[in-house]
Amino acid sequence: MTATLIDGKELAGILRREVANRIAASAITPGLATVLVGDDPASGIYVASKRRLSVAAGIRDHHRHLPSDVTQGELERVVDELNSDAEVDGILVQLPLPAHLDTAAVIARIDPDKDVDGLTEVSAGRLALNRPGLQPCTPSGVIRLLDWVGVDIKGTRAVVVGRSDLVGRPQAQLLLARDATVTVCHRYTTDLASVTRTADILVVAAGVPRLVGAQHIKPGAAVIDVGIHRTDDGLCGDVDFDAARQVAGFVTPVPGGVGPMTIASLLQNTVTAAELHRRRR
């Protein structure tokens, strides 16, 4: 068996065009504020990509670049200003922040209705209760990838490897909302392979290069690799791709799988937030 590759670049391109058409067909010009603290090269590149693709889709760019020694109070005041700005529909604080800053406190300042990353406690609560709200971008992108290739989530056994607030926990909630039976694995899970081999859908977001190999995968399963790592051999994910494609039914490559979907979901969240704000006004 050779798995079908799930091309995240292709689907992300389709979704970005849908966002552009959605904006063009309406009288709404959404505004997205990205907040970058410091000069970390990786964060800078990622934010630049988000801004470029946002502007290309017709979203107004409200970028704030703050020095690495910004104080907690100064950063929180910037977030408060963006919360109050009627031209800003979405706020994204690029993580990680410098070590001297309290990340949880900064995220907590974001208006939940502008929380296009879906990270505030209110957003997490809405997700857990299956209520309408802005959902985390990467997990949402994973669901869209599964839908796109025709994986019927309802009634499946799904395993999520990783329990981070950014991916693992919300991913489990989204799969559960689609009527999958969900198991979450983490660093204390014993005999990981015995659990992951039960999965019809396996989402790996553990942050460990090539953690999952052929022995972890049920034949024919859909394997979604959220990880990305730079190694001496180049980029790789949390899944041993060459081994997985010999067993799985579907598999995402790294790069080119989940990554592009994160930004596409961000753009969709921004437009959704803008539509909500305009209706309320």
Protein backbone atom coordinates (compact mmCIF):
# COMPACT_ATOMS: atom_id res chain seq x y z
CA MET A 1 0.00 0.00 0.00
CA THR A 2 1.17 3.52 -0.81
CA ALA A 3 -0.74 6.27 0.96
CA THR A 4 -2.52 9.08 -0.85
CA LEU A 5 -0.75 12.36 -0.12
CA ILE A 6 -2.91 15.12 1.33
CA ASP A 7 -1.74 18.32 -0.38
CA GLY A 8 -2.25 21.12 2.11
CA LYS A 9 -0.83 23.69 -0.29
CA GLU A 10 -3.54 23.01 -2.85
CA LEU A 11 -6.41 23.17 -0.38
CA ALA A 12 -5.00 26.26 1.33
CA GLY A 13 -4.88 27.99 -2.04
CA ILE A 14 -8.53 27.12 -2.65
CA LEU A 15 -9.52 28.44 0.79
CA ARG A 16 -7.57 31.67 0.34
CA ARG A 17 -9.37 32.29 -2.96
CA GLU A 18 -12.69 31.61 -1.24
CA VAL A 19 -11.79 34.20 1.42
CA ALA A 20 -10.86 36.76 -1.26
CA ASN A 21 -14.15 36.14 -3.09
CA ARG A 22 -16.09 36.39 0.17
CA ILE A 23 -14.53 39.78 0.90
CA ALA A 24 -14.98 41.05 -2.67
CA ALA A 25 -18.67 40.09 -2.65
CA SER A 26 -19.35 42.04 0.53
CA ALA A 27 -18.96 45.59 1.76
CA ILE A 28 -16.64 44.36 4.51
CA THR A 29 -12.91 45.05 4.64
CA PRO A 30 -11.65 42.92 7.55
CA GLY A 31 -8.71 44.08 9.62
CA LEU A 32 -6.09 41.77 11.12
CA ALA A 33 -3.59 42.93 13.75
CA THR A 34 -0.44 40.85 14.12
CA VAL A 35 1.72 41.56 17.15
CA LEU A 36 5.37 40.56 16.92
CA VAL A 37 7.67 40.99 19.92
CA GLY A 38 11.41 40.96 19.28
CA ASP A 39 13.40 39.82 16.27
CA ASP A 40 13.28 36.02 16.34
CA PRO A 41 13.94 35.06 12.69
CA ALA A 42 11.44 32.19 12.56
CA SER A 43 8.64 34.25 14.10
CA GLY A 44 9.46 37.15 11.80
CA ILE A 45 9.22 34.98 8.70
CA TYR A 46 5.97 33.41 9.85
CA VAL A 47 4.33 36.76 10.64
CA ALA A 48 5.49 38.20 7.31
CA SER A 49 3.84 35.27 5.52
CA LYS A 50 0.58 35.77 7.44
CA ARG A 51 0.58 39.48 6.62
CA ARG A 52 1.39 38.96 2.93
CA LEU A 53 -1.34 36.38 2.39
CA SER A 54 -3.85 38.42 4.39
CA VAL A 55 -3.28 41.52 2.28
CA ALA A 56 -3.47 39.44 -0.91
CA ALA A 57 -6.91 38.22 0.18
CA GLY A 58 -8.15 41.77 0.80
CA ILE A 59 -7.62 41.98 4.57
CA ARG A 60 -6.33 45.26 6.02
CA ASP A 61 -2.94 44.91 7.77
CA HIS A 62 -2.59 46.39 11.28
CA HIS A 63 0.85 45.18 12.29
CA ARG A 64 2.61 46.04 15.55
CA HIS A 65 6.30 45.20 15.97
CA LEU A 66 7.52 45.72 19.53
CA PRO A 67 11.06 45.52 20.92
CA SER A 68 12.20 42.36 22.68
CA ASP A 69 12.53 44.26 25.99
CA VAL A 70 8.92 45.52 25.95
CA THR A 71 7.36 45.39 29.40
CA GLN A 72 4.31 43.37 30.32
CA GLY A 73 2.30 46.53 30.84
CA GLU A 74 3.33 48.03 27.50
CA LEU A 75 2.39 44.87 25.61
CA GLU A 76 -0.94 44.60 27.38
CA ARG A 77 -1.71 48.24 26.55
CA VAL A 78 -1.13 47.48 22.87
CA VAL A 79 -3.57 44.58 23.07
CA ASP A 80 -6.11 46.83 24.83
CA GLU A 81 -5.76 49.44 22.06
CA LEU A 82 -6.38 46.81 19.40
CA ASN A 83 -9.40 45.52 21.30
CA SER A 84 -10.87 49.04 21.18
CA ASP A 85 -10.02 49.70 17.52
CA ALA A 86 -13.15 49.25 15.39
CA GLU A 87 -10.98 48.73 12.30
CA VAL A 88 -9.38 45.63 13.85
CA ASP A 89 -11.45 42.45 13.62
CA GLY A 90 -8.77 39.93 14.53
CA ILE A 91 -5.79 40.01 16.89
CA LEU A 92 -2.92 37.53 16.70
CA VAL A 93 -0.04 37.69 19.16
CA GLN A 94 2.82 35.69 17.67
CA LEU A 95 4.16 33.03 20.04
CA PRO A 96 6.47 32.29 21.70
CA LEU A 97 6.97 35.56 23.53
CA PRO A 98 10.26 36.45 25.25
CA ALA A 99 10.73 34.64 28.55
CA HIS A 100 10.21 37.72 30.75
CA LEU A 101 6.62 38.11 29.54
CA ASP A 102 3.56 36.32 30.95
CA THR A 103 2.07 34.74 27.83
CA ALA A 104 -1.13 33.57 29.52
CA ALA A 105 -1.85 37.08 30.82
CA VAL A 106 -1.31 38.59 27.36
CA ILE A 107 -3.60 36.08 25.65
CA ALA A 108 -6.23 36.66 28.34
CA ARG A 109 -6.36 40.37 27.37
CA ILE A 110 -7.53 39.61 23.83
CA ASP A 111 -11.22 40.18 23.14
CA PRO A 112 -12.58 36.63 22.52
CA ASP A 113 -14.51 37.91 19.51
CA LYS A 114 -11.20 39.08 18.01
CA ASP A 115 -9.30 35.97 19.10
CA VAL A 116 -8.54 34.61 15.61
CA ASP A 117 -6.05 32.12 17.09
CA GLY A 118 -8.77 30.68 19.34
CA LEU A 119 -6.52 30.68 22.41
CA THR A 120 -8.41 32.63 25.07
CA GLU A 121 -10.21 30.85 27.89
CA VAL A 122 -13.55 32.00 26.47
CA SER A 123 -12.69 30.56 23.06
CA ALA A 124 -11.58 27.30 24.68
CA GLY A 125 -14.81 27.17 26.68
CA ARG A 126 -16.94 27.72 23.60
CA LEU A 127 -15.07 24.93 21.85
CA ALA A 128 -15.40 22.54 24.78
CA LEU A 129 -19.15 23.21 24.98
CA ASN A 130 -19.54 22.99 21.19
CA ARG A 131 -20.77 26.58 21.01
CA PRO A 132 -20.17 28.99 18.09
CA GLY A 133 -16.86 30.82 18.26
CA LEU A 134 -13.45 31.31 16.70
CA GLN A 135 -11.55 28.03 16.70
CA PRO A 136 -7.77 27.38 16.76
CA CYS A 137 -6.34 27.58 13.26
CA THR A 138 -4.22 24.43 13.03
CA PRO A 139 -6.85 22.01 14.40
CA SER A 140 -9.47 23.61 12.16
CA GLY A 141 -7.15 23.14 9.21
CA VAL A 142 -6.76 19.45 10.05
CA ILE A 143 -10.55 18.96 9.99
CA ARG A 144 -10.77 20.68 6.62
CA LEU A 145 -8.02 18.44 5.22
CA LEU A 146 -9.88 15.32 6.34
CA ASP A 147 -13.12 16.59 4.82
CA TRP A 148 -11.38 17.50 1.56
CA VAL A 149 -10.03 14.00 0.94
CA GLY A 150 -13.34 12.42 1.87
CA VAL A 151 -12.53 10.93 5.27
CA ASP A 152 -15.85 10.48 7.08
CA ILE A 153 -15.03 11.45 10.65
CA LYS A 154 -18.33 10.32 12.15
CA GLY A 155 -18.04 6.97 13.93
CA THR A 156 -14.27 6.68 13.52
CA ARG A 157 -11.70 6.00 16.21
CA ALA A 158 -9.38 9.00 16.38
CA VAL A 159 -6.14 9.27 18.32
CA VAL A 160 -4.40 12.59 18.99
CA VAL A 161 -0.77 12.40 20.09
CA GLY A 162 -0.08 15.58 22.08
CA ARG A 163 -2.17 17.65 24.49
CA SER A 164 -0.99 21.23 23.96
CA ASP A 165 -3.43 24.11 24.29
CA LEU A 166 -2.54 25.16 20.74
CA VAL A 167 -3.19 21.87 18.93
CA GLY A 168 -3.72 18.66 20.91
CA ARG A 169 -6.58 19.61 23.22
CA PRO A 170 -8.63 21.61 20.68
CA GLN A 171 -8.00 18.94 18.04
CA ALA A 172 -9.57 16.33 20.29
CA GLN A 173 -12.57 18.62 20.89
CA LEU A 174 -13.12 19.22 17.17
CA LEU A 175 -12.96 15.51 16.38
CA LEU A 176 -15.35 14.76 19.23
CA ALA A 177 -17.75 17.40 17.91
CA ARG A 178 -17.76 15.50 14.62
CA ASP A 179 -18.76 12.29 16.40
CA ALA A 180 -15.41 10.52 16.47
CA THR A 181 -14.43 8.42 19.48
CA VAL A 182 -11.28 10.21 20.63
CA THR A 183 -8.23 9.15 22.64
CA VAL A 184 -5.52 11.64 23.61
CA CYS A 185 -1.96 10.38 24.15
CA HIS A 186 0.91 12.21 25.82
CA ARG A 187 4.36 11.69 27.27
CA TYR A 188 3.07 9.42 30.03
CA THR A 189 1.11 7.13 27.72
CA THR A 190 2.49 3.60 28.04
CA ASP A 191 2.97 1.49 24.90
CA LEU A 192 2.08 4.31 22.54
CA ALA A 193 1.95 2.06 19.49
CA SER A 194 -0.73 -0.16 21.00
CA VAL A 195 -3.00 2.91 21.27
CA THR A 196 -2.21 4.60 17.97
CA ARG A 197 -2.70 1.35 16.03
CA THR A 198 -6.40 1.52 16.90
CA ALA A 199 -6.82 4.84 15.10
CA ASP A 200 -8.71 5.32 11.85
CA ILE A 201 -7.56 8.94 12.14
CA LEU A 202 -4.17 9.64 13.72
CA VAL A 203 -3.17 13.26 14.41
CA VAL A 204 0.40 13.64 15.66
CA ALA A 205 1.31 16.90 17.39
CA ALA A 206 3.88 15.79 19.95
CA GLY A 207 6.83 17.96 18.95
CA VAL A 208 9.18 14.97 18.65
CA PRO A 209 10.88 14.33 15.29
CA ARG A 210 9.79 11.07 13.62
CA LEU A 211 8.14 9.82 16.81
CA VAL A 212 5.57 7.79 14.88
CA GLY A 213 6.68 5.00 12.56
CA ALA A 214 5.01 2.21 10.63
CA GLN A 215 4.48 0.17 13.78
CA HIS A 216 2.25 2.92 15.20
CA ILE A 217 -0.16 3.03 12.26
CA LYS A 218 -3.27 1.02 11.48
CA PRO A 219 -3.25 -0.06 7.82
CA GLY A 220 -5.34 2.37 5.79
CA ALA A 221 -5.52 5.05 8.50
CA ALA A 222 -5.50 8.78 7.78
CA VAL A 223 -2.29 10.16 9.32
CA ILE A 224 -2.01 13.91 9.90
CA ASP A 225 1.44 15.18 10.87
CA VAL A 226 1.33 18.56 12.64
CA GLY A 227 5.01 18.63 13.63
CA ILE A 228 7.81 20.36 11.78
CA HIS A 229 11.50 20.18 12.69
CA ARG A 230 14.72 21.35 11.08
CA THR A 231 17.32 18.56 11.21
CA ASP A 232 20.68 17.88 9.59
CA ASP A 233 18.76 15.94 6.93
CA GLY A 234 16.33 18.77 6.27
CA LEU A 235 12.77 19.37 7.44
CA CYS A 236 10.76 16.53 8.94
CA GLY A 237 7.63 16.04 11.01
CA ASP A 238 6.57 14.02 14.02
CA VAL A 239 5.87 11.10 11.66
CA ASP A 240 8.43 9.03 9.76
CA PHE A 241 6.95 9.94 6.41
CA ASP A 242 8.64 7.27 4.26
CA ALA A 243 7.55 4.52 6.66
CA ALA A 244 4.04 5.90 7.14
CA ARG A 245 3.21 6.12 3.45
CA GLN A 246 3.74 2.36 3.12
CA VAL A 247 1.01 1.64 5.69
CA ALA A 248 -1.43 4.56 5.86
CA GLY A 249 -4.33 5.27 3.53
CA PHE A 250 -3.73 9.03 3.64
CA VAL A 251 -0.76 11.01 4.96
CA THR A 252 0.27 14.66 5.05
CA PRO A 253 3.78 15.61 3.94
CA VAL A 254 6.10 17.95 5.84
CA PRO A 255 6.36 20.62 4.63
CA GLY A 256 3.27 21.21 2.50
CA GLY A 257 0.64 19.46 4.60
CA VAL A 258 -0.84 21.06 7.70
CA GLY A 259 1.32 24.22 7.70
CA PRO A 260 -0.37 26.08 4.81
CA MET A 261 -3.77 25.27 6.30
CA THR A 262 -2.99 27.17 9.50
CA ILE A 263 -2.74 30.49 7.67
CA ALA A 264 -5.77 29.71 5.48
CA SER A 265 -7.81 29.06 8.63
CA LEU A 266 -6.52 32.31 10.13
CA LEU A 267 -7.86 34.25 7.14
CA GLN A 268 -11.22 32.49 7.41
CA ASN A 269 -11.42 33.31 11.12
CA THR A 270 -10.65 36.97 10.41
CA VAL A 271 -13.45 37.27 7.86
CA THR A 272 -15.85 35.44 10.18
CA ALA A 273 -14.98 37.84 13.01
CA ALA A 274 -15.48 40.85 10.72
CA GLU A 275 -18.90 39.63 9.63
CA LEU A 276 -19.91 39.11 13.26
CA HIS A 277 -18.73 42.60 14.26
CA ARG A 278 -20.59 44.28 11.38
CA ARG A 279 -23.84 42.48 12.23
CA ARG A 280 -23.55 43.59 15.85
CA ARG A 281 -23.01 47.20 14.81
